[in-house]
Protein backbone atom coordinates (compact mmCIF):
# COMPACT_ATOMS: atom_id res chain seq x y z
CA MET A 1 0.00 0.00 0.00
CA THR A 2 1.43 3.36 -0.98
CA ASP A 3 1.81 6.10 1.61
CA VAL A 4 -0.84 8.20 -0.15
CA ARG A 5 -3.31 5.33 -0.29
CA ALA A 6 -2.69 4.56 3.39
CA GLU A 7 -3.36 8.21 4.23
CA VAL A 8 -6.55 8.19 2.15
CA VAL A 9 -7.74 5.07 3.99
CA ARG A 10 -6.97 6.69 7.35
CA LEU A 11 -8.78 9.92 6.44
CA TYR A 12 -11.70 8.01 4.93
CA GLU A 13 -12.21 5.95 8.10
CA ARG A 14 -11.97 9.07 10.25
CA GLN A 15 -14.52 10.86 8.07
CA ARG A 16 -16.96 7.95 8.23
CA LYS A 17 -16.80 8.02 12.04
CA MET A 18 -17.67 11.72 12.25
CA PRO A 19 -21.33 12.41 13.03
CA TYR A 20 -23.16 13.99 10.13
CA PRO A 21 -23.86 17.68 10.81
CA ARG A 22 -27.30 18.28 12.33
CA GLY A 23 -29.98 19.91 10.26
CA LEU A 24 -28.43 19.22 6.85
CA SER A 25 -30.34 16.12 5.78
CA GLY A 26 -31.93 17.13 2.51
CA ALA A 27 -30.71 20.73 2.84
CA GLU A 28 -29.50 22.62 -0.21
CA VAL A 29 -26.67 25.15 0.02
CA ALA A 30 -25.56 27.19 -3.00
CA GLY A 31 -27.47 24.80 -5.26
CA VAL A 32 -25.79 21.73 -3.73
CA GLU A 33 -27.83 19.05 -1.94
CA MET A 34 -25.64 18.38 1.10
CA THR A 35 -26.58 14.78 1.92
CA GLU A 36 -26.18 13.76 -1.71
CA LEU A 37 -22.77 15.45 -1.85
CA ASP A 38 -21.63 13.61 1.27
CA ILE A 39 -22.85 10.21 0.12
CA SER A 40 -21.54 10.59 -3.42
CA ALA A 41 -18.09 11.83 -2.42
CA LEU A 42 -17.60 9.14 0.22
CA SER A 43 -18.90 6.41 -2.11
CA TRP A 44 -16.46 7.35 -4.88
CA VAL A 45 -13.54 7.61 -2.45
CA GLY A 46 -14.53 4.19 -1.09
CA ALA A 47 -14.61 2.79 -4.62
CA TRP A 48 -11.13 4.21 -5.25
CA ILE A 49 -9.86 2.51 -2.09
CA GLU A 50 -11.54 -0.81 -2.94
CA GLY A 51 -10.14 -0.65 -6.47
CA ASP A 52 -6.57 -0.22 -5.18
CA GLY A 53 -6.35 3.26 -6.66
CA GLU A 54 -7.49 2.28 -10.14
CA PRO A 55 -10.11 4.62 -11.57
CA GLU A 56 -13.54 3.30 -12.42
CA GLU A 57 -15.48 4.69 -15.34
CA ASN A 58 -16.62 8.26 -14.57
CA MET A 59 -14.77 8.31 -11.23
CA ILE A 60 -12.67 11.36 -12.09
CA ALA A 61 -15.72 13.23 -13.38
CA HIS A 62 -17.80 12.48 -10.27
CA LEU A 63 -15.01 13.29 -7.82
CA THR A 64 -14.12 16.47 -9.70
CA ARG A 65 -17.77 17.56 -9.47
CA SER A 66 -17.75 16.77 -5.75
CA LEU A 67 -14.54 18.74 -5.38
CA GLY A 68 -16.09 21.77 -7.05
CA ASP A 69 -19.23 21.51 -4.90
CA LEU A 70 -17.17 21.21 -1.73
CA GLN A 71 -15.05 24.21 -2.68
CA GLN A 72 -18.29 26.13 -3.09
CA VAL A 73 -19.98 25.18 0.20
CA VAL A 74 -17.11 24.97 2.69
CA PRO A 75 -16.50 28.75 2.72
CA PHE A 76 -20.23 29.30 3.36
CA PHE A 77 -19.95 27.31 6.59
CA ALA A 78 -16.43 28.45 7.52
CA ASP A 79 -16.80 32.23 7.23
CA PRO A 80 -17.89 33.82 10.54
CA ALA A 81 -19.46 36.67 8.54
CA SER A 82 -21.64 34.22 6.58
CA GLU A 83 -25.27 33.63 7.48
CA GLY A 84 -24.47 29.92 7.25
CA TYR A 85 -21.52 29.97 9.65
CA ARG A 86 -21.33 26.55 11.30
CA PRO A 87 -17.86 25.58 12.58
CA TYR A 88 -18.54 21.84 12.94
CA THR A 89 -20.12 21.67 9.49
CA ALA A 90 -17.12 23.56 8.08
CA LEU A 91 -14.81 21.03 9.75
CA TYR A 92 -16.84 18.07 8.50
CA TYR A 93 -17.04 19.21 4.89
CA GLY A 94 -13.55 20.71 5.01
CA ARG A 95 -12.11 17.31 5.88
CA LEU A 96 -14.16 15.74 3.11
CA LEU A 97 -12.80 18.38 0.74
CA GLY A 98 -9.22 17.49 1.67
CA LEU A 99 -9.93 13.79 1.21
CA VAL A 100 -11.55 14.23 -2.20
CA ARG A 101 -8.77 16.59 -3.31
CA LEU A 102 -6.15 13.98 -2.40
CA VAL A 103 -7.91 11.24 -4.38
CA VAL A 104 -8.44 13.51 -7.40
CA LEU A 105 -4.73 14.40 -7.41
CA GLU A 106 -3.85 10.71 -7.27
CA LEU A 107 -6.25 9.89 -10.10
CA VAL A 108 -4.92 12.68 -12.31
CA ALA A 109 -1.34 11.58 -11.61
CA ALA A 110 -2.22 7.97 -12.46
CA VAL A 111 -3.92 8.95 -15.70
CA SER A 112 -0.99 11.20 -16.64
CA HIS A 113 1.47 8.43 -15.84
CA HIS A 114 -0.38 5.92 -18.02
CA ALA A 115 -0.80 8.33 -20.93
CA GLU A 116 1.22 7.59 -24.03
CA PRO A 117 4.16 9.93 -24.60
CA PRO A 118 3.77 12.41 -27.47
CA GLY A 119 4.64 10.93 -30.84
CA SER A 120 4.20 7.31 -29.79
CA LEU A 121 2.17 4.86 -31.84
């Protein structure tokens, strides 16, 4: 197991043990359904772990979408000046953001590594 994969597994298990933030079931923030975002992101990270880091079809697209959604909602919860300021929720989704970002970087690196060099047949 690579160091990165071991770290992803550790972070994934820690995230799964965190209680889901209260009052967000079915809630929509900035056009993002929060429960769906949580379930989708964790499911795709879990699939990446189970697949030993090999991407499944559409994995990069789904995780990239989750990454964008997380980058959009985390500041809403993290900013004390925001009407949606919720420190625990910011921590919860901030950790999920870091986890998804790590997996996306690994996927992009793997795809780049497997790409054929320019000019090859």
